[in-house]
Protein backbone atom coordinates (compact mmCIF):
# COMPACT_ATOMS: atom_id res chain seq x y z
CA MET A 1 8.50 71.18 99.20
CA ARG A 2 7.50 71.61 95.53
CA SER A 3 9.90 70.89 92.73
CA GLY A 4 10.79 73.60 90.19
CA ALA A 5 8.36 72.11 87.62
CA GLU A 6 5.51 72.11 90.13
CA ARG A 7 6.23 75.69 91.22
CA ALA A 8 6.06 76.86 87.63
CA THR A 9 2.47 75.66 87.28
CA VAL A 10 1.12 76.91 90.58
CA CYS A 11 -0.14 80.48 91.10
CA PRO A 12 1.39 81.89 94.32
CA VAL A 13 -1.87 83.72 95.05
CA PRO A 14 -4.60 81.20 94.30
CA PRO A 15 -8.06 82.37 93.07
CA LEU A 16 -9.54 81.71 96.52
CA ALA A 17 -6.94 83.93 98.16
CA LEU A 18 -7.55 86.66 95.56
CA ALA A 19 -11.28 86.56 96.34
CA LEU A 20 -10.63 86.73 100.08
CA LEU A 21 -8.28 89.70 99.61
CA LEU A 22 -10.69 91.59 97.37
CA ALA A 23 -13.48 91.24 99.96
CA ALA A 24 -11.07 92.29 102.70
CA ALA A 25 -10.02 95.34 100.65
CA VAL A 26 -13.60 96.55 100.32
CA LEU A 27 -14.22 96.13 104.05
CA HIS A 28 -10.93 97.76 104.98
CA ALA A 29 -11.45 100.85 102.80
CA SER A 30 -15.02 101.16 104.14
CA TRP A 31 -14.03 101.18 107.86
CA ASN A 32 -11.20 103.61 107.21
CA LEU A 33 -13.67 105.98 105.58
CA LEU A 34 -15.86 105.78 108.72
CA VAL A 35 -12.86 106.44 110.95
CA ARG A 36 -11.82 109.42 108.86
CA GLY A 37 -15.18 111.09 109.53
CA ALA A 38 -14.91 110.72 113.33
CA GLU A 39 -14.27 113.71 115.60
CA ASP A 40 -11.91 111.83 117.97
CA ARG A 41 -10.45 109.10 115.83
CA LEU A 42 -8.34 107.61 118.59
CA VAL A 43 -11.27 107.06 120.94
CA PHE A 44 -13.48 105.98 118.01
CA THR A 45 -11.11 103.18 116.99
CA TRP A 46 -10.76 102.06 120.59
CA TRP A 47 -14.53 101.78 120.93
CA ALA A 48 -14.60 99.71 117.74
CA GLN A 49 -12.13 97.28 119.30
CA VAL A 50 -14.15 97.16 122.52
CA MET A 51 -17.18 96.05 120.53
CA ILE A 52 -15.18 93.06 119.35
CA ALA A 53 -13.54 92.18 122.70
CA PRO A 54 -16.47 90.25 124.26
CA LEU A 55 -16.43 87.85 121.29
CA ALA A 56 -13.02 86.55 122.55
CA ILE A 57 -14.62 85.18 125.74
CA PRO A 58 -16.31 82.16 124.08
CA VAL A 59 -12.99 81.38 122.35
CA LEU A 60 -11.31 81.17 125.74
CA LEU A 61 -14.12 79.27 127.49
CA ALA A 62 -15.52 76.98 124.84
CA GLY A 63 -12.94 76.77 122.10
CA PRO A 64 -10.16 74.16 121.84
CA PRO A 65 -7.01 74.97 123.84
CA LEU A 66 -4.58 76.99 121.79
CA ARG A 67 -1.24 76.00 123.36
CA GLY A 68 1.59 78.37 122.65
CA VAL A 69 -0.70 81.06 121.21
CA TRP A 70 -0.15 83.76 123.84
CA PRO A 71 3.30 85.07 122.79
CA TYR A 72 1.90 85.66 119.30
CA VAL A 73 -1.33 87.24 120.69
CA LEU A 74 0.56 89.58 123.02
CA ALA A 75 3.07 90.70 120.36
CA SER A 76 0.34 91.24 117.80
CA ALA A 77 -1.97 93.01 120.24
CA LEU A 78 0.76 95.47 121.18
CA LEU A 79 1.51 96.16 117.57
CA GLU A 80 -2.24 96.46 116.68
CA ALA A 81 -2.66 98.98 119.52
CA GLY A 82 0.24 100.97 118.17
CA TYR A 83 -1.18 100.73 114.65
CA PHE A 84 -4.59 102.13 115.63
CA ALA A 85 -3.07 104.93 117.69
CA THR A 86 -0.71 105.94 114.88
CA LEU A 87 -3.46 105.66 112.27
CA ALA A 88 -5.74 107.93 114.26
CA VAL A 89 -3.01 110.58 114.63
CA ALA A 90 -2.08 110.27 110.94
CA TYR A 91 -5.71 110.97 109.90
CA GLY A 92 -5.57 114.14 112.00
CA ARG A 93 -2.49 115.35 110.13
CA GLY A 94 -3.29 114.60 106.44
CA ASP A 95 -5.96 113.90 103.88
CA PHE A 96 -7.53 110.48 103.90
CA SER A 97 -6.48 110.04 100.26
CA LEU A 98 -2.83 110.80 101.23
CA VAL A 99 -2.51 108.95 104.53
CA TYR A 100 -4.28 105.75 103.50
CA PRO A 101 -2.36 105.09 100.29
CA LEU A 102 1.05 105.88 101.88
CA ALA A 103 0.35 103.76 104.91
CA ARG A 104 -1.02 100.79 103.02
CA GLY A 105 1.47 101.26 100.18
CA ALA A 106 4.77 101.24 102.04
CA ALA A 107 3.67 98.24 104.15
CA PRO A 108 4.03 95.52 101.50
CA LEU A 109 7.62 96.57 100.72
CA LEU A 110 8.53 96.41 104.40
CA LEU A 111 6.62 93.13 104.78
CA ALA A 112 8.37 91.55 101.78
CA ALA A 113 11.74 92.34 103.31
CA GLY A 114 10.62 91.04 106.71
CA ALA A 115 9.15 87.88 105.22
CA ALA A 116 12.48 87.18 103.51
CA LEU A 117 14.43 87.65 106.75
CA VAL A 118 12.04 86.04 109.22
CA LEU A 119 9.92 83.57 107.32
CA HIS A 120 12.56 82.79 104.65
CA GLU A 121 10.18 83.62 101.78
CA ARG A 122 11.92 84.58 98.56
CA PRO A 123 9.91 86.42 95.88
CA SER A 124 10.52 85.08 92.37
CA PRO A 125 11.76 87.40 89.58
CA GLY A 126 8.19 87.82 88.40
CA GLY A 127 7.06 88.57 91.91
CA LEU A 128 9.84 91.14 92.35
CA VAL A 129 8.77 92.89 89.14
CA GLY A 130 5.19 92.95 90.39
CA LEU A 131 6.27 94.39 93.72
CA ALA A 132 8.35 97.08 92.00
CA VAL A 133 5.47 98.08 89.70
CA LEU A 134 3.07 98.12 92.66
CA ALA A 135 5.47 100.23 94.66
CA ALA A 136 5.77 102.71 91.79
CA GLY A 137 2.03 103.00 91.59
CA LEU A 138 1.69 103.54 95.31
CA ALA A 139 4.38 106.23 95.18
CA VAL A 140 2.32 108.01 92.54
CA VAL A 141 -1.00 107.61 94.26
CA GLY A 142 0.30 108.56 97.68
CA GLY A 143 2.88 111.11 96.59
CA ALA A 144 0.72 113.18 94.24
CA PRO A 145 -1.14 115.11 96.95
CA LEU A 146 2.07 115.53 98.96
CA TRP A 147 3.88 116.99 95.96
CA ARG A 148 0.91 119.28 95.25
CA ARG A 149 0.93 120.64 98.80
CA GLN A 150 4.62 121.31 98.78
CA HIS A 151 4.36 122.95 95.33
CA HIS A 152 1.78 125.35 96.70
CA GLY A 153 3.75 126.00 99.92
CA GLU A 154 1.63 123.73 102.13
CA SER A 155 3.09 121.26 104.61
CA GLY A 156 2.24 117.61 104.20
CA SER A 157 5.35 116.08 105.69
CA ARG A 158 3.95 115.40 109.12
CA GLY A 159 0.99 113.49 107.75
CA ALA A 160 3.31 111.49 105.49
CA GLY A 161 5.69 110.69 108.36
CA TRP A 162 2.85 109.35 110.51
CA ALA A 163 1.58 107.33 107.55
CA LEU A 164 4.95 105.62 107.20
CA GLY A 165 4.84 104.86 110.91
CA VAL A 166 1.49 103.13 110.30
CA ALA A 167 3.14 101.14 107.47
CA LEU A 168 5.84 99.88 109.87
CA PHE A 169 3.21 98.68 112.35
CA ILE A 170 1.29 96.94 109.56
CA ALA A 171 4.41 95.09 108.39
CA LEU A 172 5.33 94.03 111.91
CA TYR A 173 1.95 92.72 112.98
CA SER A 174 1.49 91.01 109.60
CA LEU A 175 4.77 89.10 110.12
CA VAL A 176 3.62 87.98 113.59
CA ASP A 177 0.15 87.01 112.34
CA GLY A 178 1.45 85.32 109.24
CA ALA A 179 3.58 83.05 111.43
CA ALA A 180 0.74 82.51 113.94
CA VAL A 181 -1.95 81.35 111.49
CA ARG A 182 0.32 78.52 110.40
CA ARG A 183 -0.31 77.06 113.87
CA PHE A 184 -3.68 78.45 115.05
CA PRO A 185 -7.21 78.98 113.58
CA PRO A 186 -7.39 82.47 112.05
CA ALA A 187 -10.82 83.46 113.48
CA SER A 188 -10.04 82.45 117.07
CA TYR A 189 -6.58 84.02 116.87
CA THR A 190 -7.98 87.32 115.47
CA LEU A 191 -10.61 87.58 118.23
CA LEU A 192 -7.94 87.08 120.93
CA VAL A 193 -5.68 89.70 119.39
CA PHE A 194 -8.37 92.31 118.93
CA GLY A 195 -9.72 91.75 122.43
CA LEU A 196 -6.34 92.04 124.10
CA SER A 197 -5.32 95.08 122.10
CA ALA A 198 -8.51 96.87 123.31
CA VAL A 199 -7.56 96.07 126.92
CA LEU A 200 -3.98 97.22 126.49
CA ALA A 201 -4.92 100.46 124.72
CA GLY A 202 -7.57 101.50 127.26
CA PRO A 203 -5.51 102.87 130.22
CA PRO A 204 -3.05 104.94 128.14
CA LEU A 205 -5.94 106.34 126.13
CA LEU A 206 -7.82 107.24 129.32
CA LEU A 207 -4.76 109.20 130.56
CA LEU A 208 -4.35 110.87 127.19
CA ARG A 209 -7.96 111.85 126.50
CA GLY A 210 -9.73 111.82 129.87
CA GLY A 211 -12.96 109.98 130.73
CA ARG A 212 -15.33 112.55 129.22
CA ALA A 213 -13.97 111.96 125.70
CA PHE A 214 -15.11 108.35 125.78
CA GLY A 215 -18.75 109.24 126.51
CA THR A 216 -18.70 112.12 124.04
CA GLU A 217 -17.42 110.05 121.15
CA TRP A 218 -19.80 107.18 121.93
CA SER A 219 -22.86 109.44 121.95
CA ARG A 220 -21.70 111.04 118.71
CA SER A 221 -20.69 107.88 116.81
CA TRP A 222 -22.53 104.94 118.36
CA ARG A 223 -24.17 103.99 115.08
CA LYS A 224 -20.88 103.80 113.20
CA ILE A 225 -18.71 102.20 115.87
CA PRO A 226 -20.23 98.69 115.62
CA LEU A 227 -19.85 98.81 111.84
CA VAL A 228 -16.18 99.68 112.08
CA GLY A 229 -15.66 96.91 114.64
CA ALA A 230 -17.36 94.33 112.44
CA PHE A 231 -15.69 95.50 109.21
CA SER A 232 -12.23 95.51 110.73
CA LEU A 233 -12.68 92.11 112.34
CA PHE A 234 -13.99 90.34 109.22
CA SER A 235 -11.52 92.12 107.02
CA TYR A 236 -8.57 90.81 108.98
CA ILE A 237 -10.01 87.31 109.33
CA LEU A 238 -10.19 87.17 105.52
CA VAL A 239 -6.58 88.33 105.23
CA LEU A 240 -5.38 85.72 107.72
CA GLN A 241 -7.23 83.03 105.82
CA ALA A 242 -5.30 84.16 102.73
CA PHE A 243 -2.06 83.98 104.73
CA LYS A 244 -2.72 80.26 105.21
CA ILE A 245 -2.86 79.47 101.50
CA ALA A 246 -0.43 82.01 99.91
CA PRO A 247 2.98 83.52 100.75
CA VAL A 248 2.86 86.35 103.31
CA ALA A 249 4.78 88.79 101.07
CA TYR A 250 2.42 88.34 98.12
CA VAL A 251 -0.68 88.51 100.27
CA GLY A 252 0.57 91.70 101.89
CA ALA A 253 1.01 93.26 98.41
CA VAL A 254 -2.20 92.04 96.78
CA ARG A 255 -4.40 93.15 99.66
CA GLU A 256 -3.36 96.73 98.94
CA VAL A 257 -5.86 96.99 96.10
CA SER A 258 -7.76 98.66 98.92
CA ILE A 259 -5.62 101.79 98.42
CA VAL A 260 -7.18 102.31 95.00
CA LEU A 261 -10.63 101.89 96.45
CA ALA A 262 -9.82 104.28 99.30
CA ALA A 263 -8.37 107.00 97.03
CA LEU A 264 -11.41 106.76 94.78
CA ALA A 265 -13.73 106.91 97.81
CA GLY A 266 -11.86 109.98 99.15
CA TRP A 267 -12.39 111.64 95.77
CA ARG A 268 -16.03 110.73 95.27
CA LEU A 269 -17.32 110.84 98.84
CA LEU A 270 -15.05 113.30 100.66
CA GLY A 271 -14.31 115.76 97.84
CA GLU A 272 -10.57 115.06 97.86
CA ASN A 273 -8.59 115.41 94.63
CA PHE A 274 -7.77 112.38 92.47
CA GLY A 275 -6.84 113.62 88.98
CA PRO A 276 -4.99 112.02 86.02
CA THR A 277 -1.74 111.45 87.92
CA ARG A 278 -3.38 109.34 90.54
CA THR A 279 -5.30 107.49 87.85
CA VAL A 280 -1.99 106.42 86.33
CA GLY A 281 -0.77 105.39 89.79
CA ALA A 282 -3.92 103.35 90.40
CA LEU A 283 -3.44 101.54 87.08
CA LEU A 284 0.17 100.75 88.03
CA VAL A 285 -1.03 99.31 91.36
CA VAL A 286 -3.50 97.06 89.64
CA THR A 287 -0.84 96.01 87.06
CA GLY A 288 1.59 95.17 89.87
CA ILE A 289 -1.01 93.06 91.64
CA ALA A 290 -1.76 91.24 88.39
CA LEU A 291 1.94 90.50 87.78
CA ILE A 292 2.29 89.10 91.30
CA ALA A 293 -0.78 86.93 90.88
CA LEU A 294 0.20 85.61 87.45
CA PHE A 295 4.00 85.50 87.38
CA GLY A 296 5.08 85.37 90.99
CA THR A 297 5.86 81.66 90.98
């Protein structure tokens, strides 16, 4: 336990954690772009998990015993499976540059509340200001396209609702994983979670889509699927490493710099609107992250 004087001189998100989270953000925005371009996003994301699943076998056979890990792995795998399913549906209902910012943006606020209740983390006044500024920026970035659709008589509410469902899954599995990596190696733990979530998601997806959809999506996207698997795996390993050296609530907020990258990518690569309003929102997000990093002690 640090004294008050020590806490005042220590950054809650150390430079190493910031570097890990920036790299994770680039990877995360990249694999979400690839998923957005898939025909059957649900099957596509499942195939990406299947590509990772065999890597869990050496962890089980050759790695050190991870006693007590399975309750965490099972809970996280179920939540991860729900996350991927909800994300795939959300991308079918709204623009990438709407769904991604809303999903990733609401998550840190839910996570901060959960971390306070479950992990007994209390953001400092500076950290709370940073979270508030970040949340305001996310509301602008994510809400601009929704407001524009409603203004022109178009419906965006279903896409937004699914995006908020994604945010809830993110907050829940982040809480589980944040607690788990305090006891277990992040890389081994991540492989077990991703492998089990692929197994759990397979049968319901088969009933929902039918066997032909699996072969069709593989033949259509087999070049992209391994990339999504690798990007998602390494992205989350980097985040879990950051969980080990920084508070869960702050990591969950700082990692959302990926929403700015994703909105910019949706604008430049997919032809989706960005505009001056979202530029202001993106600047608020970056400002909030900086406040958390500098004054969140």
